[in-house]
Amino acid sequence: MVDMDHVPEPDEMRALVQPLDDLDRKVLGGLVAIWMANPGKVKDREWTSQQFVHVATVAHGFPEEGPASTDDVERIRGYAQQHMERVLRVGFALFVRVAQDMQQRSGGFSFDDAQAVVRDYLAR
């Protein structure tokens, strides 16, 4: 896991996101949205791994319903093996960065506000 007490500066956050490809950014954005809706589960490794696989499946464009083909399962397994550690590391950093950004806002914030900030960090 990442040190969730360290809040990266905005430029540092953009530098962490910069090398990610479009698929990684889709997975990262979806995962952060799920964490924002379930903040108490962010540090639950098993739950987070399950959410990663679910979001990666959707990001790859595979159907969410019905049985997955062996090829689809292997593509997701390979993607997770190659990308999960990095995407989670950047995801945890983005989660705490956005939380900090939201705390600094006057007048409160909404889930939509937080999602807009996430999209801004993920933009190329």
N, C-alpha and C. Protein backbone atom coordinates (compact mmCIF):
# COMPACT_ATOMS: atom_id res chain seq x y z
N MET A 1 0.83 -1.19 0.00
CA MET A 1 0.00 0.00 0.00
C MET A 1 0.88 1.26 0.00
N VAL A 2 0.27 2.34 -0.29
CA VAL A 2 0.93 3.63 -0.35
C VAL A 2 0.71 4.36 0.96
N ASP A 3 1.62 5.26 1.28
CA ASP A 3 1.45 6.10 2.46
C ASP A 3 0.33 7.09 2.17
N MET A 4 -0.83 6.82 2.74
CA MET A 4 -2.00 7.66 2.46
C MET A 4 -1.95 8.96 3.26
N ASP A 5 -0.93 9.12 4.09
CA ASP A 5 -0.78 10.36 4.84
C ASP A 5 -0.02 11.42 4.03
N HIS A 6 0.69 10.98 2.99
CA HIS A 6 1.41 11.92 2.13
C HIS A 6 0.46 12.41 1.04
N VAL A 7 0.29 13.71 0.99
CA VAL A 7 -0.57 14.30 -0.04
C VAL A 7 0.34 14.91 -1.11
N PRO A 8 0.33 14.34 -2.31
CA PRO A 8 1.17 14.90 -3.37
C PRO A 8 0.68 16.30 -3.76
N GLU A 9 1.61 17.15 -4.09
CA GLU A 9 1.26 18.48 -4.61
C GLU A 9 0.61 18.30 -5.98
N PRO A 10 -0.20 19.26 -6.44
CA PRO A 10 -0.86 19.11 -7.75
C PRO A 10 0.10 18.79 -8.90
N ASP A 11 1.24 19.46 -8.96
CA ASP A 11 2.19 19.16 -10.04
C ASP A 11 2.77 17.76 -9.91
N GLU A 12 3.00 17.33 -8.68
CA GLU A 12 3.49 15.97 -8.43
C GLU A 12 2.42 14.95 -8.87
N MET A 13 1.16 15.25 -8.60
CA MET A 13 0.08 14.36 -8.99
C MET A 13 0.00 14.24 -10.50
N ARG A 14 0.10 15.36 -11.19
CA ARG A 14 0.06 15.33 -12.66
C ARG A 14 1.24 14.53 -13.22
N ALA A 15 2.40 14.62 -12.57
CA ALA A 15 3.57 13.86 -13.01
C ALA A 15 3.36 12.35 -12.81
N LEU A 16 2.64 11.98 -11.76
CA LEU A 16 2.34 10.56 -11.54
C LEU A 16 1.38 10.02 -12.59
N VAL A 17 0.41 10.84 -13.00
CA VAL A 17 -0.60 10.42 -13.98
C VAL A 17 -0.04 10.45 -15.40
N GLN A 18 0.87 11.35 -15.68
CA GLN A 18 1.35 11.60 -17.05
C GLN A 18 1.76 10.34 -17.81
N PRO A 19 2.50 9.40 -17.24
CA PRO A 19 2.91 8.23 -18.05
C PRO A 19 1.82 7.19 -18.29
N LEU A 20 0.67 7.34 -17.67
CA LEU A 20 -0.39 6.34 -17.83
C LEU A 20 -1.05 6.47 -19.20
N ASP A 21 -1.38 5.32 -19.80
CA ASP A 21 -2.07 5.34 -21.08
C ASP A 21 -3.57 5.55 -20.85
N ASP A 22 -4.33 5.64 -21.94
CA ASP A 22 -5.77 5.93 -21.84
C ASP A 22 -6.53 4.86 -21.06
N LEU A 23 -6.19 3.59 -21.26
CA LEU A 23 -6.87 2.52 -20.54
C LEU A 23 -6.59 2.62 -19.04
N ASP A 24 -5.34 2.84 -18.67
CA ASP A 24 -5.00 3.00 -17.25
C ASP A 24 -5.76 4.18 -16.65
N ARG A 25 -5.90 5.25 -17.40
CA ARG A 25 -6.62 6.43 -16.90
C ARG A 25 -8.11 6.14 -16.71
N LYS A 26 -8.69 5.35 -17.61
CA LYS A 26 -10.09 4.96 -17.45
C LYS A 26 -10.27 4.13 -16.17
N VAL A 27 -9.38 3.16 -16.00
CA VAL A 27 -9.45 2.31 -14.81
C VAL A 27 -9.23 3.15 -13.56
N LEU A 28 -8.25 4.01 -13.60
CA LEU A 28 -7.95 4.88 -12.45
C LEU A 28 -9.15 5.76 -12.10
N GLY A 29 -9.76 6.38 -13.09
CA GLY A 29 -10.91 7.24 -12.84
C GLY A 29 -12.09 6.47 -12.25
N GLY A 30 -12.35 5.28 -12.79
CA GLY A 30 -13.43 4.46 -12.26
C GLY A 30 -13.17 3.99 -10.85
N LEU A 31 -11.94 3.60 -10.59
CA LEU A 31 -11.58 3.12 -9.26
C LEU A 31 -11.67 4.23 -8.22
N VAL A 32 -11.19 5.41 -8.56
CA VAL A 32 -11.28 6.54 -7.63
C VAL A 32 -12.74 6.90 -7.36
N ALA A 33 -13.59 6.83 -8.38
CA ALA A 33 -15.02 7.10 -8.17
C ALA A 33 -15.62 6.09 -7.19
N ILE A 34 -15.25 4.83 -7.32
CA ILE A 34 -15.75 3.81 -6.39
C ILE A 34 -15.24 4.06 -4.99
N TRP A 35 -13.97 4.43 -4.85
CA TRP A 35 -13.42 4.74 -3.53
C TRP A 35 -14.14 5.94 -2.91
N MET A 36 -14.44 6.93 -3.74
CA MET A 36 -15.13 8.12 -3.23
C MET A 36 -16.51 7.76 -2.69
N ALA A 37 -17.16 6.80 -3.32
CA ALA A 37 -18.48 6.36 -2.87
C ALA A 37 -18.38 5.41 -1.66
N ASN A 38 -17.20 4.82 -1.45
CA ASN A 38 -16.99 3.85 -0.37
C ASN A 38 -15.68 4.13 0.35
N PRO A 39 -15.48 5.31 0.91
CA PRO A 39 -14.17 5.66 1.46
C PRO A 39 -13.69 4.76 2.59
N GLY A 40 -14.60 4.13 3.30
CA GLY A 40 -14.20 3.23 4.38
C GLY A 40 -13.55 1.94 3.90
N LYS A 41 -13.65 1.66 2.62
CA LYS A 41 -13.10 0.41 2.07
C LYS A 41 -11.80 0.61 1.30
N VAL A 42 -11.32 1.83 1.22
CA VAL A 42 -10.13 2.13 0.42
C VAL A 42 -8.94 1.26 0.81
N LYS A 43 -8.75 1.00 2.08
CA LYS A 43 -7.58 0.24 2.53
C LYS A 43 -7.81 -1.27 2.56
N ASP A 44 -8.99 -1.72 2.15
CA ASP A 44 -9.30 -3.15 2.10
C ASP A 44 -8.73 -3.73 0.80
N ARG A 45 -7.61 -4.43 0.93
CA ARG A 45 -6.90 -4.94 -0.26
C ARG A 45 -7.77 -5.85 -1.13
N GLU A 46 -8.45 -6.79 -0.50
CA GLU A 46 -9.25 -7.75 -1.27
C GLU A 46 -10.38 -7.03 -2.01
N TRP A 47 -11.10 -6.17 -1.32
CA TRP A 47 -12.19 -5.43 -1.93
C TRP A 47 -11.67 -4.55 -3.07
N THR A 48 -10.55 -3.86 -2.82
CA THR A 48 -9.97 -2.99 -3.85
C THR A 48 -9.54 -3.80 -5.06
N SER A 49 -8.96 -4.97 -4.84
CA SER A 49 -8.57 -5.82 -5.97
C SER A 49 -9.79 -6.25 -6.78
N GLN A 50 -10.87 -6.60 -6.11
CA GLN A 50 -12.10 -6.97 -6.81
C GLN A 50 -12.64 -5.80 -7.62
N GLN A 51 -12.60 -4.61 -7.03
CA GLN A 51 -13.08 -3.42 -7.74
C GLN A 51 -12.19 -3.12 -8.95
N PHE A 52 -10.89 -3.31 -8.79
CA PHE A 52 -9.96 -3.08 -9.90
C PHE A 52 -10.33 -3.99 -11.07
N VAL A 53 -10.53 -5.27 -10.80
CA VAL A 53 -10.88 -6.22 -11.87
C VAL A 53 -12.20 -5.83 -12.52
N HIS A 54 -13.18 -5.44 -11.72
CA HIS A 54 -14.47 -5.04 -12.28
C HIS A 54 -14.32 -3.81 -13.19
N VAL A 55 -13.63 -2.79 -12.69
CA VAL A 55 -13.45 -1.57 -13.49
C VAL A 55 -12.63 -1.86 -14.75
N ALA A 56 -11.60 -2.68 -14.63
CA ALA A 56 -10.77 -3.03 -15.79
C ALA A 56 -11.60 -3.79 -16.83
N THR A 57 -12.49 -4.64 -16.38
CA THR A 57 -13.37 -5.39 -17.30
C THR A 57 -14.25 -4.43 -18.09
N VAL A 58 -14.84 -3.47 -17.39
CA VAL A 58 -15.68 -2.47 -18.05
C VAL A 58 -14.83 -1.60 -18.99
N ALA A 59 -13.67 -1.16 -18.53
CA ALA A 59 -12.80 -0.29 -19.34
C ALA A 59 -12.32 -0.99 -20.61
N HIS A 60 -12.16 -2.30 -20.54
CA HIS A 60 -11.76 -3.06 -21.73
C HIS A 60 -12.93 -3.24 -22.71
N GLY A 61 -14.14 -2.91 -22.27
CA GLY A 61 -15.31 -3.01 -23.14
C GLY A 61 -15.97 -4.37 -23.13
N PHE A 62 -15.61 -5.23 -22.17
CA PHE A 62 -16.24 -6.54 -22.07
C PHE A 62 -17.62 -6.39 -21.45
N PRO A 63 -18.57 -7.24 -21.82
CA PRO A 63 -19.90 -7.17 -21.21
C PRO A 63 -19.83 -7.47 -19.71
N GLU A 64 -20.63 -6.74 -18.95
CA GLU A 64 -20.67 -6.94 -17.50
C GLU A 64 -21.52 -8.14 -17.13
N GLU A 65 -22.44 -8.52 -17.98
CA GLU A 65 -23.35 -9.63 -17.70
C GLU A 65 -22.94 -10.83 -18.54
N GLY A 66 -23.28 -12.00 -18.03
CA GLY A 66 -23.02 -13.23 -18.77
C GLY A 66 -21.62 -13.75 -18.54
N PRO A 67 -21.36 -14.95 -19.02
CA PRO A 67 -20.05 -15.56 -18.80
C PRO A 67 -18.97 -14.90 -19.66
N ALA A 68 -17.80 -14.79 -19.08
CA ALA A 68 -16.66 -14.24 -19.81
C ALA A 68 -15.97 -15.36 -20.58
N SER A 69 -15.44 -15.02 -21.72
CA SER A 69 -14.69 -16.02 -22.49
C SER A 69 -13.32 -16.22 -21.83
N THR A 70 -12.70 -17.32 -22.14
CA THR A 70 -11.36 -17.61 -21.62
C THR A 70 -10.37 -16.53 -22.06
N ASP A 71 -10.50 -16.07 -23.30
CA ASP A 71 -9.61 -15.00 -23.79
C ASP A 71 -9.81 -13.71 -23.01
N ASP A 72 -11.07 -13.37 -22.70
CA ASP A 72 -11.35 -12.15 -21.93
C ASP A 72 -10.74 -12.25 -20.54
N VAL A 73 -10.92 -13.41 -19.91
CA VAL A 73 -10.37 -13.61 -18.56
C VAL A 73 -8.85 -13.47 -18.60
N GLU A 74 -8.21 -14.04 -19.59
CA GLU A 74 -6.75 -13.96 -19.70
C GLU A 74 -6.29 -12.53 -19.96
N ARG A 75 -7.04 -11.79 -20.77
CA ARG A 75 -6.67 -10.38 -21.02
C ARG A 75 -6.73 -9.56 -19.74
N ILE A 76 -7.79 -9.76 -18.94
CA ILE A 76 -7.92 -9.03 -17.68
C ILE A 76 -6.86 -9.48 -16.70
N ARG A 77 -6.61 -10.77 -16.62
CA ARG A 77 -5.57 -11.28 -15.72
C ARG A 77 -4.21 -10.68 -16.10
N GLY A 78 -3.89 -10.69 -17.37
CA GLY A 78 -2.62 -10.12 -17.83
C GLY A 78 -2.55 -8.62 -17.55
N TYR A 79 -3.65 -7.93 -17.81
CA TYR A 79 -3.68 -6.49 -17.54
C TYR A 79 -3.45 -6.23 -16.05
N ALA A 80 -4.14 -6.97 -15.20
CA ALA A 80 -3.99 -6.79 -13.75
C ALA A 80 -2.56 -7.06 -13.31
N GLN A 81 -1.95 -8.12 -13.82
CA GLN A 81 -0.57 -8.45 -13.45
C GLN A 81 0.40 -7.34 -13.86
N GLN A 82 0.17 -6.76 -14.99
CA GLN A 82 1.09 -5.75 -15.51
C GLN A 82 0.81 -4.33 -15.02
N HIS A 83 -0.44 -4.02 -14.67
CA HIS A 83 -0.81 -2.63 -14.41
C HIS A 83 -1.36 -2.34 -13.01
N MET A 84 -1.85 -3.35 -12.32
CA MET A 84 -2.57 -3.09 -11.07
C MET A 84 -1.72 -2.36 -10.03
N GLU A 85 -0.52 -2.78 -9.81
CA GLU A 85 0.31 -2.14 -8.78
C GLU A 85 0.48 -0.64 -9.06
N ARG A 86 0.83 -0.32 -10.29
CA ARG A 86 1.04 1.09 -10.65
C ARG A 86 -0.26 1.90 -10.58
N VAL A 87 -1.35 1.35 -11.13
CA VAL A 87 -2.62 2.08 -11.12
C VAL A 87 -3.10 2.29 -9.68
N LEU A 88 -2.95 1.29 -8.82
CA LEU A 88 -3.35 1.47 -7.43
C LEU A 88 -2.48 2.51 -6.72
N ARG A 89 -1.19 2.47 -6.97
CA ARG A 89 -0.28 3.45 -6.34
C ARG A 89 -0.68 4.88 -6.74
N VAL A 90 -0.90 5.10 -8.02
CA VAL A 90 -1.30 6.42 -8.49
C VAL A 90 -2.72 6.74 -8.00
N GLY A 91 -3.58 5.72 -7.96
CA GLY A 91 -4.95 5.91 -7.50
C GLY A 91 -5.04 6.36 -6.05
N PHE A 92 -4.25 5.74 -5.18
CA PHE A 92 -4.25 6.16 -3.78
C PHE A 92 -3.77 7.60 -3.66
N ALA A 93 -2.73 7.94 -4.41
CA ALA A 93 -2.22 9.31 -4.39
C ALA A 93 -3.29 10.29 -4.88
N LEU A 94 -3.99 9.92 -5.96
CA LEU A 94 -5.04 10.79 -6.50
C LEU A 94 -6.20 10.92 -5.51
N PHE A 95 -6.57 9.84 -4.85
CA PHE A 95 -7.64 9.87 -3.87
C PHE A 95 -7.35 10.88 -2.76
N VAL A 96 -6.13 10.83 -2.19
CA VAL A 96 -5.81 11.76 -1.11
C VAL A 96 -5.61 13.19 -1.63
N ARG A 97 -5.11 13.33 -2.86
CA ARG A 97 -4.94 14.67 -3.45
C ARG A 97 -6.30 15.33 -3.65
N VAL A 98 -7.26 14.59 -4.20
CA VAL A 98 -8.59 15.15 -4.44
C VAL A 98 -9.27 15.46 -3.11
N ALA A 99 -9.10 14.59 -2.12
CA ALA A 99 -9.67 14.87 -0.79
C ALA A 99 -9.13 16.18 -0.25
N GLN A 100 -7.83 16.40 -0.41
CA GLN A 100 -7.21 17.66 0.04
C GLN A 100 -7.77 18.85 -0.75
N ASP A 101 -7.90 18.68 -2.06
CA ASP A 101 -8.46 19.75 -2.89
C ASP A 101 -9.88 20.10 -2.43
N MET A 102 -10.66 19.09 -2.10
CA MET A 102 -12.04 19.32 -1.68
C MET A 102 -12.09 20.02 -0.31
N GLN A 103 -11.19 19.66 0.60
CA GLN A 103 -11.16 20.29 1.92
C GLN A 103 -10.80 21.77 1.83
N GLN A 104 -10.05 22.14 0.80
CA GLN A 104 -9.61 23.52 0.65
C GLN A 104 -10.68 24.40 0.00
N ARG A 105 -11.76 23.81 -0.47
CA ARG A 105 -12.84 24.58 -1.10
C ARG A 105 -13.69 25.26 -0.04
N SER A 106 -14.07 26.47 -0.32
CA SER A 106 -15.01 27.14 0.59
C SER A 106 -16.43 26.81 0.13
N GLY A 107 -17.32 26.67 1.06
CA GLY A 107 -18.71 26.43 0.72
C GLY A 107 -19.05 24.97 0.47
N GLY A 108 -18.17 24.06 0.79
CA GLY A 108 -18.46 22.64 0.63
C GLY A 108 -18.23 22.15 -0.79
N PHE A 109 -18.56 20.89 -0.99
CA PHE A 109 -18.36 20.27 -2.29
C PHE A 109 -19.31 19.09 -2.44
N SER A 110 -19.44 18.64 -3.67
CA SER A 110 -20.30 17.49 -3.97
C SER A 110 -19.45 16.39 -4.62
N PHE A 111 -20.05 15.24 -4.77
CA PHE A 111 -19.41 14.14 -5.47
C PHE A 111 -19.05 14.58 -6.89
N ASP A 112 -19.95 15.31 -7.54
CA ASP A 112 -19.70 15.80 -8.90
C ASP A 112 -18.51 16.75 -8.93
N ASP A 113 -18.37 17.60 -7.91
CA ASP A 113 -17.21 18.49 -7.83
C ASP A 113 -15.92 17.67 -7.76
N ALA A 114 -15.93 16.65 -6.92
CA ALA A 114 -14.75 15.81 -6.77
C ALA A 114 -14.44 15.07 -8.07
N GLN A 115 -15.46 14.58 -8.75
CA GLN A 115 -15.26 13.89 -10.02
C GLN A 115 -14.66 14.84 -11.07
N ALA A 116 -15.08 16.09 -11.06
CA ALA A 116 -14.52 17.08 -11.99
C ALA A 116 -13.03 17.29 -11.72
N VAL A 117 -12.65 17.31 -10.47
CA VAL A 117 -11.23 17.46 -10.11
C VAL A 117 -10.45 16.23 -10.57
N VAL A 118 -11.02 15.05 -10.38
CA VAL A 118 -10.37 13.81 -10.85
C VAL A 118 -10.16 13.89 -12.35
N ARG A 119 -11.20 14.27 -13.08
CA ARG A 119 -11.09 14.37 -14.55
C ARG A 119 -10.01 15.37 -14.95
N ASP A 120 -9.88 16.45 -14.21
CA ASP A 120 -8.85 17.44 -14.51
C ASP A 120 -7.45 16.83 -14.35
N TYR A 121 -7.24 16.08 -13.27
CA TYR A 121 -5.93 15.43 -13.09
C TYR A 121 -5.66 14.37 -14.14
N LEU A 122 -6.70 13.71 -14.63
CA LEU A 122 -6.53 12.64 -15.61
C LEU A 122 -6.41 13.16 -17.05
N ALA A 123 -6.75 14.41 -17.28
CA ALA A 123 -6.71 14.97 -18.64
C ALA A 123 -5.27 14.99 -19.15
N ARG A 124 -5.15 14.76 -20.42
CA ARG A 124 -3.80 14.79 -21.06
C ARG A 124 -3.41 16.19 -21.40
